[in-house]
Every structure is written in C-alpha cells, then in structure tokens.
Amino acid sequence: MSGLACHRDHAMLRLPFAAALLALAALPSSAAAQDADITLTFETGVRTGTVMVTLYDSEAAWSGGAPVAQMRIDAAVPTPVAVFRGLPAGTYGAKAFHDVDGDGEMDTNPFGIPTEPFAFSNNAVVNMGPPGWEQARFAVEGPTAQTLQLR
C-alpha cells in the first residue's frame, strides 16, 4: 500500500471517530440529570413542633399516591428550611403542615378543616379543599427554591 493510500485510510477512520465524540459531548450526562435540589423555606410565627413536608412528582402521586420524599424539620428555628437533594429534573409539588403539637398528624376540626397551619408549593390557594396538581406543580431543572407561607 502506498503512503498516500495509507494516509487517506487513516483520515477516513478519524472522521467517524470525531463525529462520535461530538455526539457524545452533546448528550446530557447522568450526573446533570440528578443535579436538581429543591429548597423550601417556611414562614411561620409559631416556634414549636415540627414542619412535616411531603414531595410529589406526578398528579397521580399528588392525588393519593406515594410521595417521592418526606421530611420532618424543626419549627423551633427562626426560619425552617427543607432541602431535597439529588432529584431528577422534572415536575414536583409539595404539601406541608406545621405539626404544632408534635403528634405526627394534621389536626382537623369535626368538619375536616385543618386546625394546624399548612402550605402548598407555589403558595397555591385553598378553595373548598386542597389545591390540585395544576396549581401546586413547579418545574425543577437544577437548584430550585420556594418560600411557603404556613397559614
């Protein structure tokens, strides 16, 4: 094989290899897909008990399915904060209540109306019942933060 033919063959091999490297570089890495953190900061006037937080990743889960994560945080600090780390990018919704008496359950009156402060992501408004997924959901693609008012 002549030197010119050999050089041409090597160049032909390098072209597909370079194209493959460029294609791989354009793909999102799995580490980036797991790089989402959600920070929920709670505004509350009461400094006792705990804040119970539940995180959901779909409408089906929001409406009674299994949560993605749950957290119990101390309400005796000036600003209670819940941080959910290493989540896949996607859509999430959060429900929380201030467990003032520390019994682990949201207290209600005889009509089922909560007697302990509560909040939903996006500070979604309660109207004859808890807000739906459409009102509470929010997109997460990286570090995401919300401040929720327990009321």
N, C-alpha and C. Protein backbone atom coordinates (compact mmCIF):
# COMPACT_ATOMS: atom_id res chain seq x y z
N MET A 1 0.86 -1.18 0.00
CA MET A 1 0.00 0.00 0.00
C MET A 1 0.90 1.22 0.00
N SER A 2 0.60 2.19 -0.83
CA SER A 2 1.42 3.39 -0.90
C SER A 2 1.18 4.26 0.32
N GLY A 3 2.11 5.17 0.58
CA GLY A 3 1.99 6.08 1.73
C GLY A 3 0.76 6.96 1.61
N LEU A 4 0.42 7.39 0.41
CA LEU A 4 -0.75 8.25 0.20
C LEU A 4 -2.03 7.50 0.51
N ALA A 5 -2.15 6.26 0.07
CA ALA A 5 -3.35 5.46 0.32
C ALA A 5 -3.50 5.20 1.82
N CYS A 6 -2.42 4.93 2.52
CA CYS A 6 -2.46 4.66 3.97
C CYS A 6 -2.91 5.92 4.71
N HIS A 7 -2.38 7.08 4.34
CA HIS A 7 -2.76 8.34 4.99
C HIS A 7 -4.24 8.62 4.78
N ARG A 8 -4.73 8.40 3.56
CA ARG A 8 -6.13 8.62 3.25
C ARG A 8 -7.02 7.68 4.08
N ASP A 9 -6.66 6.43 4.27
CA ASP A 9 -7.44 5.47 5.04
C ASP A 9 -7.51 5.89 6.51
N HIS A 10 -6.41 6.37 7.08
CA HIS A 10 -6.40 6.82 8.48
C HIS A 10 -7.30 8.06 8.66
N ALA A 11 -7.25 8.93 7.68
CA ALA A 11 -8.09 10.13 7.74
C ALA A 11 -9.57 9.74 7.69
N MET A 12 -9.89 8.73 6.92
CA MET A 12 -11.28 8.28 6.82
C MET A 12 -11.75 7.68 8.15
N LEU A 13 -10.85 7.01 8.87
CA LEU A 13 -11.20 6.44 10.18
C LEU A 13 -11.39 7.53 11.23
N ARG A 14 -10.60 8.58 11.16
CA ARG A 14 -10.67 9.66 12.15
C ARG A 14 -11.98 10.45 12.05
N LEU A 15 -12.51 10.61 10.87
CA LEU A 15 -13.73 11.40 10.68
C LEU A 15 -14.92 10.82 11.44
N PRO A 16 -15.25 9.52 11.32
CA PRO A 16 -16.37 8.98 12.09
C PRO A 16 -16.11 9.03 13.61
N PHE A 17 -14.84 8.81 14.00
CA PHE A 17 -14.50 8.84 15.42
C PHE A 17 -14.73 10.24 15.99
N ALA A 18 -14.31 11.28 15.27
CA ALA A 18 -14.51 12.66 15.73
C ALA A 18 -16.00 12.99 15.81
N ALA A 19 -16.78 12.53 14.83
CA ALA A 19 -18.22 12.77 14.85
C ALA A 19 -18.88 12.09 16.04
N ALA A 20 -18.43 10.88 16.36
CA ALA A 20 -18.97 10.16 17.53
C ALA A 20 -18.66 10.90 18.82
N LEU A 21 -17.44 11.43 18.94
CA LEU A 21 -17.08 12.19 20.14
C LEU A 21 -17.94 13.44 20.28
N LEU A 22 -18.18 14.14 19.18
CA LEU A 22 -19.04 15.32 19.23
C LEU A 22 -20.45 14.96 19.64
N ALA A 23 -20.98 13.85 19.14
CA ALA A 23 -22.33 13.42 19.50
C ALA A 23 -22.40 13.07 20.98
N LEU A 24 -21.40 12.42 21.51
CA LEU A 24 -21.38 12.07 22.94
C LEU A 24 -21.30 13.32 23.81
N ALA A 25 -20.54 14.31 23.39
CA ALA A 25 -20.40 15.55 24.15
C ALA A 25 -21.72 16.30 24.23
N ALA A 26 -22.56 16.16 23.22
CA ALA A 26 -23.84 16.87 23.19
C ALA A 26 -24.89 16.22 24.08
N LEU A 27 -24.70 14.96 24.46
CA LEU A 27 -25.67 14.28 25.31
C LEU A 27 -25.57 14.76 26.74
N PRO A 28 -26.71 14.92 27.46
CA PRO A 28 -26.64 15.30 28.87
C PRO A 28 -26.07 14.14 29.67
N SER A 29 -25.23 14.47 30.64
CA SER A 29 -24.67 13.41 31.47
C SER A 29 -25.68 12.99 32.52
N SER A 30 -25.57 11.76 32.99
CA SER A 30 -26.50 11.28 34.01
C SER A 30 -26.31 12.05 35.30
N ALA A 31 -25.10 12.57 35.56
CA ALA A 31 -24.88 13.37 36.77
C ALA A 31 -25.70 14.65 36.69
N ALA A 32 -25.77 15.27 35.49
CA ALA A 32 -26.54 16.50 35.35
C ALA A 32 -28.02 16.24 35.56
N ALA A 33 -28.52 15.08 35.14
CA ALA A 33 -29.93 14.77 35.31
C ALA A 33 -30.29 14.57 36.78
N GLN A 34 -29.32 14.24 37.62
CA GLN A 34 -29.57 14.04 39.05
C GLN A 34 -29.18 15.27 39.86
N ASP A 35 -28.94 16.40 39.23
CA ASP A 35 -28.37 17.56 39.90
C ASP A 35 -29.42 18.54 40.41
N ALA A 36 -30.66 18.12 40.54
CA ALA A 36 -31.72 19.03 40.98
C ALA A 36 -31.87 18.99 42.49
N ASP A 37 -31.88 20.16 43.09
CA ASP A 37 -32.14 20.31 44.52
C ASP A 37 -33.35 21.23 44.68
N ILE A 38 -34.20 20.90 45.65
CA ILE A 38 -35.35 21.75 45.96
C ILE A 38 -35.20 22.24 47.38
N THR A 39 -35.23 23.56 47.57
CA THR A 39 -35.16 24.17 48.89
C THR A 39 -36.48 24.86 49.17
N LEU A 40 -37.14 24.42 50.23
CA LEU A 40 -38.41 25.02 50.64
C LEU A 40 -38.20 25.71 51.98
N THR A 41 -38.43 27.01 52.00
CA THR A 41 -38.30 27.81 53.21
C THR A 41 -39.71 28.14 53.70
N PHE A 42 -39.92 27.99 55.00
CA PHE A 42 -41.26 28.17 55.56
C PHE A 42 -41.34 29.41 56.43
N GLU A 43 -42.37 30.21 56.18
CA GLU A 43 -42.65 31.37 57.02
C GLU A 43 -43.74 30.95 58.01
N THR A 44 -43.42 31.06 59.28
CA THR A 44 -44.38 30.71 60.33
C THR A 44 -44.11 31.56 61.55
N GLY A 45 -45.13 31.87 62.30
CA GLY A 45 -44.98 32.67 63.51
C GLY A 45 -44.82 31.81 64.75
N VAL A 46 -45.14 30.55 64.68
CA VAL A 46 -45.08 29.67 65.84
C VAL A 46 -43.71 29.00 65.86
N ARG A 47 -43.12 28.86 67.03
CA ARG A 47 -41.78 28.30 67.13
C ARG A 47 -41.73 26.99 67.91
N THR A 48 -42.76 26.20 67.79
CA THR A 48 -42.79 24.90 68.46
C THR A 48 -43.14 23.82 67.46
N GLY A 49 -42.91 22.58 67.83
CA GLY A 49 -43.31 21.46 66.98
C GLY A 49 -42.39 21.28 65.79
N THR A 50 -42.94 20.67 64.74
CA THR A 50 -42.19 20.38 63.52
C THR A 50 -43.00 20.76 62.29
N VAL A 51 -42.30 20.90 61.19
CA VAL A 51 -42.97 21.10 59.90
C VAL A 51 -42.81 19.78 59.15
N MET A 52 -43.92 19.21 58.75
CA MET A 52 -43.95 17.95 58.00
C MET A 52 -44.10 18.29 56.52
N VAL A 53 -43.16 17.83 55.70
CA VAL A 53 -43.14 18.18 54.27
C VAL A 53 -43.17 16.89 53.45
N THR A 54 -44.03 16.88 52.43
CA THR A 54 -44.13 15.74 51.52
C THR A 54 -43.98 16.25 50.09
N LEU A 55 -43.13 15.58 49.31
CA LEU A 55 -42.83 15.98 47.94
C LEU A 55 -43.36 14.94 46.96
N TYR A 56 -44.02 15.40 45.90
CA TYR A 56 -44.63 14.52 44.89
C TYR A 56 -44.07 14.86 43.52
N ASP A 57 -44.08 13.87 42.60
CA ASP A 57 -43.56 14.10 41.26
C ASP A 57 -44.56 13.83 40.14
N SER A 58 -45.84 13.68 40.49
CA SER A 58 -46.85 13.48 39.45
C SER A 58 -48.23 13.81 40.01
N GLU A 59 -49.17 13.98 39.10
CA GLU A 59 -50.54 14.25 39.51
C GLU A 59 -51.14 13.05 40.25
N ALA A 60 -50.82 11.84 39.78
CA ALA A 60 -51.33 10.63 40.44
C ALA A 60 -50.82 10.53 41.87
N ALA A 61 -49.55 10.81 42.08
CA ALA A 61 -48.99 10.77 43.43
C ALA A 61 -49.61 11.87 44.29
N TRP A 62 -49.77 13.06 43.74
CA TRP A 62 -50.35 14.20 44.45
C TRP A 62 -51.76 13.87 44.94
N SER A 63 -52.48 13.10 44.16
CA SER A 63 -53.88 12.77 44.46
C SER A 63 -54.05 11.51 45.30
N GLY A 64 -53.01 11.07 45.98
CA GLY A 64 -53.14 9.93 46.87
C GLY A 64 -52.11 8.84 46.69
N GLY A 65 -51.20 9.02 45.75
CA GLY A 65 -50.16 8.02 45.52
C GLY A 65 -48.98 8.21 46.46
N ALA A 66 -47.92 7.51 46.18
CA ALA A 66 -46.73 7.55 47.02
C ALA A 66 -45.91 8.81 46.75
N PRO A 67 -45.43 9.45 47.80
CA PRO A 67 -44.57 10.62 47.62
C PRO A 67 -43.16 10.22 47.18
N VAL A 68 -42.45 11.15 46.59
CA VAL A 68 -41.05 10.96 46.22
C VAL A 68 -40.18 11.01 47.47
N ALA A 69 -40.52 11.93 48.38
CA ALA A 69 -39.73 12.11 49.59
C ALA A 69 -40.58 12.77 50.66
N GLN A 70 -40.17 12.56 51.89
CA GLN A 70 -40.82 13.21 53.03
C GLN A 70 -39.73 13.70 53.96
N MET A 71 -40.05 14.75 54.70
CA MET A 71 -39.08 15.31 55.62
C MET A 71 -39.80 15.93 56.81
N ARG A 72 -39.18 15.80 57.96
CA ARG A 72 -39.67 16.43 59.20
C ARG A 72 -38.58 17.39 59.64
N ILE A 73 -38.93 18.69 59.76
CA ILE A 73 -37.93 19.68 60.16
C ILE A 73 -38.39 20.41 61.41
N ASP A 74 -37.43 20.84 62.17
CA ASP A 74 -37.69 21.53 63.43
C ASP A 74 -38.28 22.91 63.17
N ALA A 75 -39.40 23.22 63.81
CA ALA A 75 -40.03 24.53 63.65
C ALA A 75 -39.54 25.53 64.68
N ALA A 76 -38.68 25.09 65.61
CA ALA A 76 -38.20 25.96 66.68
C ALA A 76 -37.05 26.85 66.24
N VAL A 77 -36.70 26.81 64.97
CA VAL A 77 -35.64 27.67 64.44
C VAL A 77 -36.28 28.92 63.84
N PRO A 78 -35.52 30.01 63.71
CA PRO A 78 -36.12 31.23 63.15
C PRO A 78 -36.75 31.04 61.77
N THR A 79 -36.10 30.27 60.89
CA THR A 79 -36.63 30.02 59.55
C THR A 79 -36.48 28.55 59.22
N PRO A 80 -37.55 27.76 59.33
CA PRO A 80 -37.46 26.34 58.97
C PRO A 80 -37.21 26.17 57.46
N VAL A 81 -36.28 25.27 57.12
CA VAL A 81 -35.92 25.03 55.72
C VAL A 81 -35.84 23.52 55.49
N ALA A 82 -36.44 23.06 54.39
CA ALA A 82 -36.33 21.67 53.96
C ALA A 82 -35.57 21.66 52.64
N VAL A 83 -34.54 20.81 52.54
CA VAL A 83 -33.77 20.70 51.30
C VAL A 83 -33.80 19.25 50.83
N PHE A 84 -34.31 19.06 49.62
CA PHE A 84 -34.34 17.75 48.98
C PHE A 84 -33.25 17.77 47.92
N ARG A 85 -32.24 16.90 48.05
CA ARG A 85 -31.07 16.92 47.16
C ARG A 85 -31.05 15.74 46.18
N GLY A 86 -30.38 15.97 45.04
CA GLY A 86 -30.11 14.91 44.09
C GLY A 86 -31.32 14.34 43.40
N LEU A 87 -32.31 15.18 43.14
CA LEU A 87 -33.53 14.71 42.47
C LEU A 87 -33.38 14.79 40.96
N PRO A 88 -34.05 13.91 40.24
CA PRO A 88 -34.06 14.04 38.78
C PRO A 88 -34.82 15.31 38.37
N ALA A 89 -34.40 15.94 37.31
CA ALA A 89 -35.14 17.08 36.79
C ALA A 89 -36.56 16.62 36.46
N GLY A 90 -37.53 17.49 36.67
CA GLY A 90 -38.92 17.14 36.39
C GLY A 90 -39.88 18.12 37.01
N THR A 91 -41.09 17.66 37.25
CA THR A 91 -42.13 18.49 37.84
C THR A 91 -42.46 17.95 39.22
N TYR A 92 -42.57 18.86 40.19
CA TYR A 92 -42.80 18.47 41.57
C TYR A 92 -43.88 19.34 42.20
N GLY A 93 -44.43 18.86 43.29
CA GLY A 93 -45.37 19.61 44.10
C GLY A 93 -45.13 19.24 45.56
N ALA A 94 -45.34 20.20 46.46
CA ALA A 94 -45.09 19.95 47.88
C ALA A 94 -46.32 20.29 48.71
N LYS A 95 -46.53 19.46 49.73
CA LYS A 95 -47.56 19.69 50.74
C LYS A 95 -46.84 19.74 52.08
N ALA A 96 -47.27 20.66 52.94
CA ALA A 96 -46.63 20.76 54.25
C ALA A 96 -47.65 21.19 55.29
N PHE A 97 -47.39 20.80 56.53
CA PHE A 97 -48.18 21.34 57.63
C PHE A 97 -47.29 21.49 58.85
N HIS A 98 -47.67 22.45 59.69
CA HIS A 98 -46.95 22.71 60.91
C HIS A 98 -47.58 21.88 62.02
N ASP A 99 -46.88 20.83 62.40
CA ASP A 99 -47.36 19.92 63.44
C ASP A 99 -47.06 20.55 64.80
N VAL A 100 -47.91 21.46 65.21
CA VAL A 100 -47.69 22.25 66.42
C VAL A 100 -47.60 21.37 67.67
N ASP A 101 -48.46 20.37 67.76
CA ASP A 101 -48.49 19.54 68.97
C ASP A 101 -47.57 18.32 68.89
N GLY A 102 -46.89 18.12 67.76
CA GLY A 102 -45.91 17.05 67.63
C GLY A 102 -46.47 15.64 67.58
N ASP A 103 -47.75 15.49 67.20
CA ASP A 103 -48.33 14.13 67.17
C ASP A 103 -48.15 13.43 65.82
N GLY A 104 -47.52 14.11 64.84
CA GLY A 104 -47.27 13.49 63.55
C GLY A 104 -48.44 13.50 62.60
N GLU A 105 -49.55 14.11 62.99
CA GLU A 105 -50.75 14.14 62.16
C GLU A 105 -51.29 15.56 62.08
N MET A 106 -51.91 15.87 60.94
CA MET A 106 -52.55 17.18 60.82
C MET A 106 -53.87 17.14 61.57
N ASP A 107 -54.01 18.01 62.54
CA ASP A 107 -55.24 18.07 63.32
C ASP A 107 -56.32 18.81 62.53
N THR A 108 -57.55 18.33 62.65
CA THR A 108 -58.70 18.95 61.98
C THR A 108 -59.85 19.10 62.96
N ASN A 109 -60.77 19.96 62.61
CA ASN A 109 -61.98 20.11 63.42
C ASN A 109 -62.99 19.03 62.99
N PRO A 110 -64.16 18.97 63.62
CA PRO A 110 -65.15 17.93 63.26
C PRO A 110 -65.60 17.96 61.80
N PHE A 111 -65.39 19.08 61.12
CA PHE A 111 -65.79 19.20 59.71
C PHE A 111 -64.64 18.86 58.76
N GLY A 112 -63.50 18.46 59.30
CA GLY A 112 -62.34 18.10 58.48
C GLY A 112 -61.47 19.26 58.06
N ILE A 113 -61.74 20.44 58.60
CA ILE A 113 -60.95 21.62 58.27
C ILE A 113 -59.70 21.64 59.16
N PRO A 114 -58.52 21.81 58.56
CA PRO A 114 -57.29 21.80 59.35
C PRO A 114 -57.28 22.86 60.45
N THR A 115 -56.77 22.47 61.61
CA THR A 115 -56.63 23.42 62.72
C THR A 115 -55.15 23.74 62.96
N GLU A 116 -54.26 23.13 62.19
CA GLU A 116 -52.85 23.47 62.25
C GLU A 116 -52.46 24.13 60.92
N PRO A 117 -51.49 25.05 60.96
CA PRO A 117 -51.10 25.75 59.73
C PRO A 117 -50.59 24.78 58.66
N PHE A 118 -50.84 25.12 57.40
CA PHE A 118 -50.45 24.27 56.27
C PHE A 118 -50.02 25.15 55.11
N ALA A 119 -49.37 24.52 54.12
CA ALA A 119 -48.94 25.24 52.92
C ALA A 119 -48.80 24.25 51.76
N PHE A 120 -48.88 24.80 50.56
CA PHE A 120 -48.67 24.03 49.33
C PHE A 120 -47.65 24.78 48.48
N SER A 121 -46.93 24.05 47.64
CA SER A 121 -45.99 24.69 46.74
C SER A 121 -46.71 25.75 45.91
N ASN A 122 -45.97 26.73 45.49
CA ASN A 122 -46.48 27.91 44.77
C ASN A 122 -47.43 28.73 45.64
N ASN A 123 -47.49 28.42 46.95
CA ASN A 123 -48.46 29.04 47.84
C ASN A 123 -49.86 28.96 47.23
N ALA A 124 -50.13 27.80 46.64
CA ALA A 124 -51.42 27.55 46.00
C ALA A 124 -52.55 27.77 46.99
N VAL A 125 -53.60 28.39 46.53
CA VAL A 125 -54.73 28.78 47.37
C VAL A 125 -55.70 27.62 47.58
N VAL A 126 -56.17 27.52 48.80
CA VAL A 126 -57.18 26.52 49.15
C VAL A 126 -58.54 27.10 48.82
N ASN A 127 -59.36 26.34 48.07
CA ASN A 127 -60.69 26.79 47.71
C ASN A 127 -61.63 25.59 47.81
N MET A 128 -62.32 25.46 48.93
CA MET A 128 -63.23 24.34 49.17
C MET A 128 -62.48 23.00 49.11
N GLY A 129 -61.26 22.99 49.58
CA GLY A 129 -60.43 21.79 49.58
C GLY A 129 -59.03 22.13 49.15
N PRO A 130 -58.14 21.16 49.22
CA PRO A 130 -56.75 21.43 48.83
C PRO A 130 -56.63 21.73 47.35
N PRO A 131 -55.61 22.48 46.97
CA PRO A 131 -55.42 22.79 45.55
C PRO A 131 -55.06 21.54 44.76
N GLY A 132 -55.34 21.59 43.48
CA GLY A 132 -54.99 20.49 42.58
C GLY A 132 -53.54 20.58 42.14
N TRP A 133 -53.09 19.54 41.47
CA TRP A 133 -51.73 19.44 40.96
C TRP A 133 -51.38 20.63 40.06
N GLU A 134 -52.31 21.06 39.22
CA GLU A 134 -52.04 22.16 38.28
C GLU A 134 -51.67 23.45 39.01
N GLN A 135 -52.25 23.69 40.18
CA GLN A 135 -51.96 24.91 40.94
C GLN A 135 -50.65 24.80 41.72
N ALA A 136 -50.27 23.62 42.12
CA ALA A 136 -49.13 23.45 43.02
C ALA A 136 -47.85 22.99 42.32
N ARG A 137 -47.93 22.46 41.12
CA ARG A 137 -46.75 21.89 40.49
C ARG A 137 -45.78 22.98 40.04
N PHE A 138 -44.49 22.62 40.02
CA PHE A 138 -43.45 23.55 39.56
C PHE A 138 -42.32 22.75 38.91
N ALA A 139 -41.69 23.36 37.92
CA ALA A 139 -40.63 22.70 37.16
C ALA A 139 -39.31 22.81 37.92
N VAL A 140 -38.54 21.72 37.87
CA VAL A 140 -37.23 21.67 38.52
C VAL A 140 -36.23 21.16 37.50
N GLU A 141 -35.20 21.97 37.21
CA GLU A 141 -34.15 21.56 36.28
C GLU A 141 -32.77 21.72 36.89
N GLY A 142 -32.69 22.23 38.07
CA GLY A 142 -31.44 22.47 38.79
C GLY A 142 -31.83 22.94 40.17
N PRO A 143 -30.99 23.73 40.81
CA PRO A 143 -31.36 24.25 42.12
C PRO A 143 -32.64 25.10 42.02
N THR A 144 -33.63 24.78 42.82
CA THR A 144 -34.93 25.46 42.80
C THR A 144 -35.33 25.79 44.23
N ALA A 145 -35.85 27.00 44.44
CA ALA A 145 -36.24 27.41 45.79
C ALA A 145 -37.62 28.05 45.78
N GLN A 146 -38.35 27.82 46.86
CA GLN A 146 -39.64 28.48 47.08
C GLN A 146 -39.75 28.83 48.56
N THR A 147 -40.47 29.91 48.84
CA THR A 147 -40.81 30.28 50.21
C THR A 147 -42.30 30.06 50.36
N LEU A 148 -42.67 29.22 51.33
CA LEU A 148 -44.08 28.87 51.55
C LEU A 148 -44.56 29.49 52.85
N GLN A 149 -45.76 30.03 52.80
CA GLN A 149 -46.37 30.64 53.98
C GLN A 149 -47.32 29.65 54.63
N LEU A 150 -46.94 29.20 55.82
CA LEU A 150 -47.85 28.32 56.59
C LEU A 150 -48.97 29.17 57.12
N ARG A 151 -50.22 28.80 56.79
CA ARG A 151 -51.37 29.59 57.22
C ARG A 151 -52.46 28.70 57.77
